């Protein structure tokens, strides 16, 4: 059950993170919100509290492991547990390899891979102590299928799937920690705004995208299962997406 679970969400200021926070709050979760934009975090916290929910926030750069560790501590200190982590923060500056956009490659590796690892590393001590927990990592359709311009992005999302499966095999039996991969297709979020190649951005913009609420509902489904049931992966895309 979601009610009273303490849920940390990174990338909570917009898109999938924001939609997930609102949905889980309506179902009784206690939220710890993380993102870089404080104004949006504060607004989201207020909206949740106006609906009768509970939420705190911390401005967080997921590429800074100390900040992510402080986020987990905030959850423990405020609500007394760390039940669920939704590793949602991500970047998608798509480009072809011959463009040699090394700064963008490095940012994707730092956020999409290291940020996920830092989140896992921060919450595992609490979850192992509790002998329960649930880590949900947002991958992508691009973690299943590589397209032109998505080589590096896909590489980071394949990595997220591998990390999550490794986590499951290490922690599920001994410590009752569940691990879930959510692999969305095209979603109407700000993710495409990271693309600096105008031709690629135009092509992505032409896709028929889902509302972020579709991913939030998938996350809620996984969390809502009993502790002895682990939803290992959900792959979800618009009906019209190939």
Protein backbone atom coordinates (compact mmCIF):
# COMPACT_ATOMS: atom_id res chain seq x y z
CA UNK A 1 0.00 0.00 0.00
CA UNK A 2 1.15 3.54 -0.76
CA UNK A 3 -0.48 5.17 2.27
CA UNK A 4 2.08 6.47 4.79
CA UNK A 5 5.07 5.31 2.75
CA UNK A 6 7.98 7.74 2.70
CA UNK A 7 8.86 8.40 -0.93
CA UNK A 8 11.88 10.33 -2.23
CA UNK A 9 11.51 11.64 -5.78
CA UNK A 10 14.36 13.22 -7.73
CA UNK A 11 13.62 15.43 -10.69
CA UNK A 12 10.40 16.34 -8.89
CA UNK A 13 9.99 19.88 -10.20
CA UNK A 14 8.35 18.96 -13.51
CA UNK A 15 7.21 16.17 -15.82
CA UNK A 16 7.20 12.60 -14.51
CA UNK A 17 8.54 13.58 -11.11
CA UNK A 18 5.90 16.23 -10.50
CA UNK A 19 3.07 14.02 -11.75
CA UNK A 20 4.26 11.14 -9.57
CA UNK A 21 4.50 13.34 -6.49
CA UNK A 22 0.95 14.61 -6.92
CA UNK A 23 -0.49 11.14 -7.53
CA UNK A 24 1.30 9.46 -4.63
CA UNK A 25 0.39 12.34 -2.32
CA UNK A 26 -3.29 11.83 -3.16
CA UNK A 27 -2.85 8.18 -2.17
CA UNK A 28 -1.37 9.06 1.21
CA UNK A 29 2.39 8.95 0.66
CA UNK A 30 4.76 11.22 2.57
CA UNK A 31 6.93 12.97 0.00
CA UNK A 32 10.53 14.13 -0.03
CA UNK A 33 10.97 16.20 -3.19
CA UNK A 34 14.28 16.90 -4.88
CA UNK A 35 15.28 19.00 -7.90
CA UNK A 36 17.45 22.01 -8.70
CA UNK A 37 14.67 24.60 -9.10
CA UNK A 38 13.59 25.74 -5.65
CA UNK A 39 10.69 27.88 -6.86
CA UNK A 40 9.02 24.89 -8.47
CA UNK A 41 9.73 22.63 -5.51
CA UNK A 42 8.17 25.14 -3.14
CA UNK A 43 5.09 25.48 -5.34
CA UNK A 44 4.70 21.71 -5.56
CA UNK A 45 5.06 21.33 -1.80
CA UNK A 46 2.35 23.92 -1.26
CA UNK A 47 0.01 22.23 -3.73
CA UNK A 48 0.46 18.89 -1.99
CA UNK A 49 -0.13 20.38 1.45
CA UNK A 50 -3.26 22.20 0.23
CA UNK A 51 -4.60 18.79 -0.79
CA UNK A 52 -3.94 17.49 2.73
CA UNK A 53 -0.70 15.71 1.88
CA UNK A 54 2.71 15.81 3.54
CA UNK A 55 5.82 16.96 1.72
CA UNK A 56 9.23 18.44 2.33
CA UNK A 57 11.81 19.41 -0.26
CA UNK A 58 15.54 19.88 -0.70
CA UNK A 59 17.26 21.62 -3.58
CA UNK A 60 19.44 18.81 -4.91
CA UNK A 61 21.97 18.26 -7.66
CA UNK A 62 22.02 14.49 -8.13
CA UNK A 63 25.58 14.64 -9.47
CA UNK A 64 26.73 15.65 -5.96
CA UNK A 65 26.74 12.53 -3.80
CA UNK A 66 26.85 14.54 -0.56
CA UNK A 67 23.64 16.35 -1.49
CA UNK A 68 21.93 13.05 -2.32
CA UNK A 69 23.04 11.54 1.00
CA UNK A 70 21.60 14.58 2.78
CA UNK A 71 18.33 14.02 0.92
CA UNK A 72 18.05 10.49 2.28
CA UNK A 73 18.86 11.78 5.77
CA UNK A 74 16.12 14.41 5.41
CA UNK A 75 13.59 11.65 4.71
CA UNK A 76 14.73 9.64 7.71
CA UNK A 77 14.87 12.62 10.07
CA UNK A 78 11.50 14.04 8.96
CA UNK A 79 9.37 10.94 8.54
CA UNK A 80 11.32 8.19 10.31
CA UNK A 81 11.88 5.91 7.32
CA UNK A 82 13.03 5.67 3.72
CA UNK A 83 10.53 3.39 1.99
CA UNK A 84 10.75 4.28 -1.70
CA UNK A 85 13.22 6.09 -3.95
CA UNK A 86 12.15 7.20 -7.41
CA UNK A 87 15.36 7.94 -9.31
CA UNK A 88 13.79 10.14 -11.95
CA UNK A 89 16.24 12.99 -12.67
CA UNK A 90 17.61 12.71 -16.19
CA UNK A 91 18.96 14.49 -19.26
CA UNK A 92 18.46 13.74 -22.97
CA UNK A 93 20.63 16.00 -25.18
CA UNK A 94 20.49 13.75 -28.24
CA UNK A 95 23.10 14.14 -30.97
CA UNK A 96 24.95 12.00 -33.48
CA UNK A 97 28.37 10.78 -32.45
CA UNK A 98 30.14 12.68 -35.23
CA UNK A 99 29.05 15.94 -33.57
CA UNK A 100 31.50 15.07 -30.76
CA UNK A 101 29.48 16.87 -28.09
CA UNK A 102 31.63 15.70 -25.21
CA UNK A 103 30.20 18.12 -22.65
CA UNK A 104 26.73 16.73 -23.31
CA UNK A 105 28.00 13.15 -23.11
CA UNK A 106 29.61 13.87 -19.76
CA UNK A 107 26.47 15.51 -18.39
CA UNK A 108 24.35 12.51 -19.40
CA UNK A 109 26.75 10.09 -17.75
CA UNK A 110 26.88 12.22 -14.60
CA UNK A 111 23.11 12.62 -14.23
CA UNK A 112 21.66 9.49 -15.84
CA UNK A 113 24.16 6.97 -14.44
CA UNK A 114 26.06 8.48 -11.52
CA UNK A 115 22.96 10.24 -10.23
CA UNK A 116 21.13 6.92 -10.12
CA UNK A 117 24.06 5.24 -8.37
CA UNK A 118 24.32 8.04 -5.81
CA UNK A 119 20.62 7.69 -5.05
CA UNK A 120 20.94 3.96 -4.56
CA UNK A 121 24.01 4.38 -2.39
CA UNK A 122 22.29 6.99 -0.23
CA UNK A 123 19.13 5.01 0.57
CA UNK A 124 20.47 1.47 0.82
CA UNK A 125 21.83 1.81 4.39
CA UNK A 126 18.38 2.84 5.64
CA UNK A 127 16.56 0.18 3.63
CA UNK A 128 18.97 -2.58 4.68
CA UNK A 129 18.50 -1.56 8.32
CA UNK A 130 14.69 -1.64 7.87
CA UNK A 131 14.85 -4.93 5.93
CA UNK A 132 12.49 -3.43 3.37
CA UNK A 133 12.43 -0.81 0.65
CA UNK A 134 11.76 -0.12 -3.00
CA UNK A 135 14.03 1.57 -5.53
CA UNK A 136 12.44 2.65 -8.82
CA UNK A 137 14.80 3.75 -11.57
CA UNK A 138 13.54 5.55 -14.65
CA UNK A 139 15.13 4.10 -17.78
CA UNK A 140 13.63 4.52 -21.27
CA UNK A 141 12.52 2.82 -24.44
CA UNK A 142 15.98 3.99 -25.51
CA UNK A 143 17.34 1.47 -23.02
CA UNK A 144 15.86 -1.26 -25.25
CA UNK A 145 16.33 0.13 -28.74
CA UNK A 146 19.09 2.39 -30.09
CA UNK A 147 18.21 4.94 -32.74
CA UNK A 148 20.41 7.35 -34.72
CA UNK A 149 21.35 10.24 -32.42
CA UNK A 150 20.56 8.28 -29.25
CA UNK A 151 23.78 6.26 -28.89
CA UNK A 152 25.05 7.93 -25.72
CA UNK A 153 21.62 8.50 -24.20
CA UNK A 154 20.70 4.88 -24.91
CA UNK A 155 23.99 3.79 -23.39
CA UNK A 156 23.08 5.53 -20.13
CA UNK A 157 19.62 3.99 -20.10
CA UNK A 158 20.91 0.48 -20.86
CA UNK A 159 23.20 1.09 -17.88
CA UNK A 160 20.23 2.01 -15.66
CA UNK A 161 18.55 -1.28 -16.55
CA UNK A 162 21.73 -3.24 -15.81
CA UNK A 163 22.26 -1.44 -12.50
CA UNK A 164 18.67 -2.07 -11.44
CA UNK A 165 18.84 -5.77 -12.26
CA UNK A 166 22.12 -6.05 -10.36
CA UNK A 167 20.52 -4.27 -7.41
CA UNK A 168 17.61 -6.69 -7.48
CA UNK A 169 19.89 -9.73 -7.42
CA UNK A 170 21.99 -8.31 -4.60
CA UNK A 171 19.29 -7.00 -2.26
CA UNK A 172 15.92 -8.66 -2.88
CA UNK A 173 16.32 -12.02 -1.14
CA UNK A 174 18.43 -11.05 1.86
CA UNK A 175 17.05 -7.58 2.57
CA UNK A 176 13.54 -7.56 1.04
CA UNK A 177 14.39 -4.57 -1.16
CA UNK A 178 12.43 -4.35 -4.39
CA UNK A 179 13.88 -2.92 -7.61
CA UNK A 180 11.79 -1.67 -10.50
CA UNK A 181 12.73 -0.34 -13.93
CA UNK A 182 10.28 2.02 -15.62
CA UNK A 183 11.01 2.37 -19.35
CA UNK A 184 8.85 5.11 -20.90
CA UNK A 185 8.46 5.88 -24.55
CA UNK A 186 7.69 9.41 -25.69
CA UNK A 187 6.37 11.52 -22.81
CA UNK A 188 5.29 15.16 -22.94
CA UNK A 189 7.92 16.62 -20.59
CA UNK A 190 10.77 19.13 -20.69
CA UNK A 191 13.27 16.38 -21.54
CA UNK A 192 13.34 17.30 -25.23
CA UNK A 193 14.34 20.85 -24.28
CA UNK A 194 17.83 19.52 -23.50
CA UNK A 195 18.44 18.80 -27.21
CA UNK A 196 20.68 21.40 -28.85
CA UNK A 197 20.49 19.92 -32.38
CA UNK A 198 17.48 21.68 -33.90
CA UNK A 199 16.79 19.00 -36.55
CA UNK A 200 16.69 16.27 -33.92
CA UNK A 201 14.57 18.41 -31.59
CA UNK A 202 12.04 18.94 -34.39
CA UNK A 203 11.81 15.19 -35.04
CA UNK A 204 11.29 14.43 -31.36
CA UNK A 205 8.67 17.16 -31.18
CA UNK A 206 6.67 15.43 -33.91
CA UNK A 207 6.22 12.26 -31.85
CA UNK A 208 2.81 11.61 -30.32
CA UNK A 209 3.70 11.72 -26.65
CA UNK A 210 1.95 10.47 -23.53
CA UNK A 211 1.02 12.67 -20.61
CA UNK A 212 3.42 12.29 -17.65
CA UNK A 213 0.49 10.97 -15.64
CA UNK A 214 0.71 7.67 -17.52
CA UNK A 215 4.17 7.07 -16.05
CA UNK A 216 3.04 8.23 -12.61
CA UNK A 217 0.29 5.62 -12.67
CA UNK A 218 2.80 2.92 -13.62
CA UNK A 219 5.01 3.92 -10.71
CA UNK A 220 2.03 3.92 -8.34
CA UNK A 221 1.08 0.44 -9.53
CA UNK A 222 4.55 -0.90 -8.74
CA UNK A 223 4.65 0.74 -5.31
CA UNK A 224 1.14 -0.40 -4.45
CA UNK A 225 1.90 -4.09 -4.82
CA UNK A 226 2.41 -6.01 -1.54
CA UNK A 227 5.98 -6.18 -0.25
CA UNK A 228 6.28 -9.81 -1.33
CA UNK A 229 5.53 -8.88 -4.97
CA UNK A 230 8.20 -7.17 -7.07
CA UNK A 231 7.32 -5.53 -10.37
CA UNK A 232 10.73 -5.74 -12.05
CA UNK A 233 10.09 -3.71 -15.21
CA UNK A 234 7.34 -1.76 -16.90
CA UNK A 235 7.81 -0.74 -20.53
CA UNK A 236 5.18 1.82 -21.49
CA UNK A 237 4.79 3.86 -24.67
CA UNK A 238 2.13 5.71 -26.64
CA UNK A 239 -0.04 3.37 -28.69
CA UNK A 240 1.03 5.23 -31.83
CA UNK A 241 4.76 4.96 -31.12
CA UNK A 242 6.62 2.24 -33.01
